[in-house]
């Protein structure tokens, strides 16, 4: 029984890692699009707030539901 549970856990971990790799690939592809590559985006919210306070500019945020095409 322990062997089956361990095997299930390992397989679940592998599929999660595979899904994360696929999401990372989609993210990298999305970041190459002209809309995103022509600007110097700050992806860290705290850094964006700090820069906004320094420059007096508003924060423009781009949200997406996923890295899907």
C-alpha atoms as a PDB file:
ATOM      1  CA  UNK A   1       0.000   0.000   0.000  1.00  0.00           C
ATOM      2  CA  UNK A   2       2.839   2.387   0.830  1.00  0.00           C
ATOM      3  CA  UNK A   3       4.459   1.658  -2.533  1.00  0.00           C
ATOM      4  CA  UNK A   4       1.271   2.557  -4.399  1.00  0.00           C
ATOM      5  CA  UNK A   5       0.890   5.782  -2.412  1.00  0.00           C
ATOM      6  CA  UNK A   6       4.511   6.729  -3.032  1.00  0.00           C
ATOM      7  CA  UNK A   7       4.185   5.983  -6.744  1.00  0.00           C
ATOM      8  CA  UNK A   8       1.030   8.101  -6.944  1.00  0.00           C
ATOM      9  CA  UNK A   9       2.792  10.961  -5.152  1.00  0.00           C
ATOM     10  CA  UNK A  10       5.800  10.781  -7.497  1.00  0.00           C
ATOM     11  CA  UNK A  11       3.591  10.704 -10.600  1.00  0.00           C
ATOM     12  CA  UNK A  12       1.562  13.649  -9.336  1.00  0.00           C
ATOM     13  CA  UNK A  13       4.786  15.573  -8.716  1.00  0.00           C
ATOM     14  CA  UNK A  14       6.042  14.808 -12.211  1.00  0.00           C
ATOM     15  CA  UNK A  15       2.813  15.932 -13.841  1.00  0.00           C
ATOM     16  CA  UNK A  16       2.868  19.137 -11.770  1.00  0.00           C
ATOM     17  CA  UNK A  17       6.464  19.810 -12.808  1.00  0.00           C
ATOM     18  CA  UNK A  18       5.530  19.146 -16.429  1.00  0.00           C
ATOM     19  CA  UNK A  19       2.578  21.536 -16.185  1.00  0.00           C
ATOM     20  CA  UNK A  20       4.819  24.192 -14.638  1.00  0.00           C
ATOM     21  CA  UNK A  21       7.346  23.759 -17.453  1.00  0.00           C
ATOM     22  CA  UNK A  22       4.577  24.151 -20.014  1.00  0.00           C
ATOM     23  CA  UNK A  23       3.313  27.299 -18.278  1.00  0.00           C
ATOM     24  CA  UNK A  24       6.858  28.717 -18.172  1.00  0.00           C
ATOM     25  CA  UNK A  25       7.240  28.094 -21.915  1.00  0.00           C
ATOM     26  CA  UNK A  26       3.929  29.846 -22.593  1.00  0.00           C
ATOM     27  CA  UNK A  27       5.008  32.781 -20.414  1.00  0.00           C
ATOM     28  CA  UNK A  28       8.301  33.154 -22.261  1.00  0.00           C
ATOM     29  CA  UNK A  29       6.500  33.019 -25.614  1.00  0.00           C
ATOM     30  CA  UNK A  30       3.963  35.613 -24.456  1.00  0.00           C
ATOM     31  CA  UNK A  31       6.730  37.934 -23.245  1.00  0.00           C
ATOM     32  CA  UNK A  32       8.199  37.935 -26.777  1.00  0.00           C
ATOM     33  CA  UNK A  33       5.053  39.502 -28.257  1.00  0.00           C
ATOM     34  CA  UNK A  34       5.528  43.087 -29.517  1.00  0.00           C
ATOM     35  CA  UNK A  35       2.969  44.438 -27.041  1.00  0.00           C
ATOM     36  CA  UNK A  36       5.048  43.280 -24.118  1.00  0.00           C
ATOM     37  CA  UNK A  37       8.576  43.410 -25.519  1.00  0.00           C
ATOM     38  CA  UNK A  38       8.558  47.109 -26.496  1.00  0.00           C
ATOM     39  CA  UNK A  39       8.220  48.392 -22.938  1.00  0.00           C
ATOM     40  CA  UNK A  40      10.278  48.028 -19.795  1.00  0.00           C
ATOM     41  CA  UNK A  41       7.729  46.207 -17.658  1.00  0.00           C
ATOM     42  CA  UNK A  42       8.245  45.867 -13.933  1.00  0.00           C
ATOM     43  CA  UNK A  43       6.819  42.524 -12.851  1.00  0.00           C
ATOM     44  CA  UNK A  44       7.386  42.990  -9.115  1.00  0.00           C
ATOM     45  CA  UNK A  45       4.424  44.858  -7.578  1.00  0.00           C
ATOM     46  CA  UNK A  46       6.400  46.368  -4.707  1.00  0.00           C
ATOM     47  CA  UNK A  47       9.079  47.663  -7.081  1.00  0.00           C
ATOM     48  CA  UNK A  48       6.380  49.079  -9.361  1.00  0.00           C
ATOM     49  CA  UNK A  49       4.814  50.935  -6.428  1.00  0.00           C
ATOM     50  CA  UNK A  50       8.191  52.310  -5.404  1.00  0.00           C
ATOM     51  CA  UNK A  51       8.927  53.496  -8.955  1.00  0.00           C
ATOM     52  CA  UNK A  52       5.439  54.987  -9.203  1.00  0.00           C
ATOM     53  CA  UNK A  53       5.999  57.020  -6.041  1.00  0.00           C
ATOM     54  CA  UNK A  54       9.403  58.223  -7.265  1.00  0.00           C
ATOM     55  CA  UNK A  55       8.224  59.219 -10.746  1.00  0.00           C
ATOM     56  CA  UNK A  56       4.721  60.392  -9.865  1.00  0.00           C
ATOM     57  CA  UNK A  57       3.328  58.167 -12.617  1.00  0.00           C
ATOM     58  CA  UNK A  58       0.390  55.807 -12.334  1.00  0.00           C
ATOM     59  CA  UNK A  59       0.768  52.051 -12.483  1.00  0.00           C
ATOM     60  CA  UNK A  60      -0.548  50.361 -15.629  1.00  0.00           C
ATOM     61  CA  UNK A  61      -1.263  46.719 -14.863  1.00  0.00           C
ATOM     62  CA  UNK A  62      -1.814  44.004 -17.439  1.00  0.00           C
ATOM     63  CA  UNK A  63      -3.617  40.930 -16.121  1.00  0.00           C
ATOM     64  CA  UNK A  64      -4.307  37.721 -17.968  1.00  0.00           C
ATOM     65  CA  UNK A  65      -6.121  34.589 -16.905  1.00  0.00           C
ATOM     66  CA  UNK A  66      -3.235  32.434 -18.052  1.00  0.00           C
ATOM     67  CA  UNK A  67      -0.350  32.402 -20.479  1.00  0.00           C
ATOM     68  CA  UNK A  68      -2.598  30.903 -23.136  1.00  0.00           C
ATOM     69  CA  UNK A  69      -2.461  32.233 -26.675  1.00  0.00           C
END
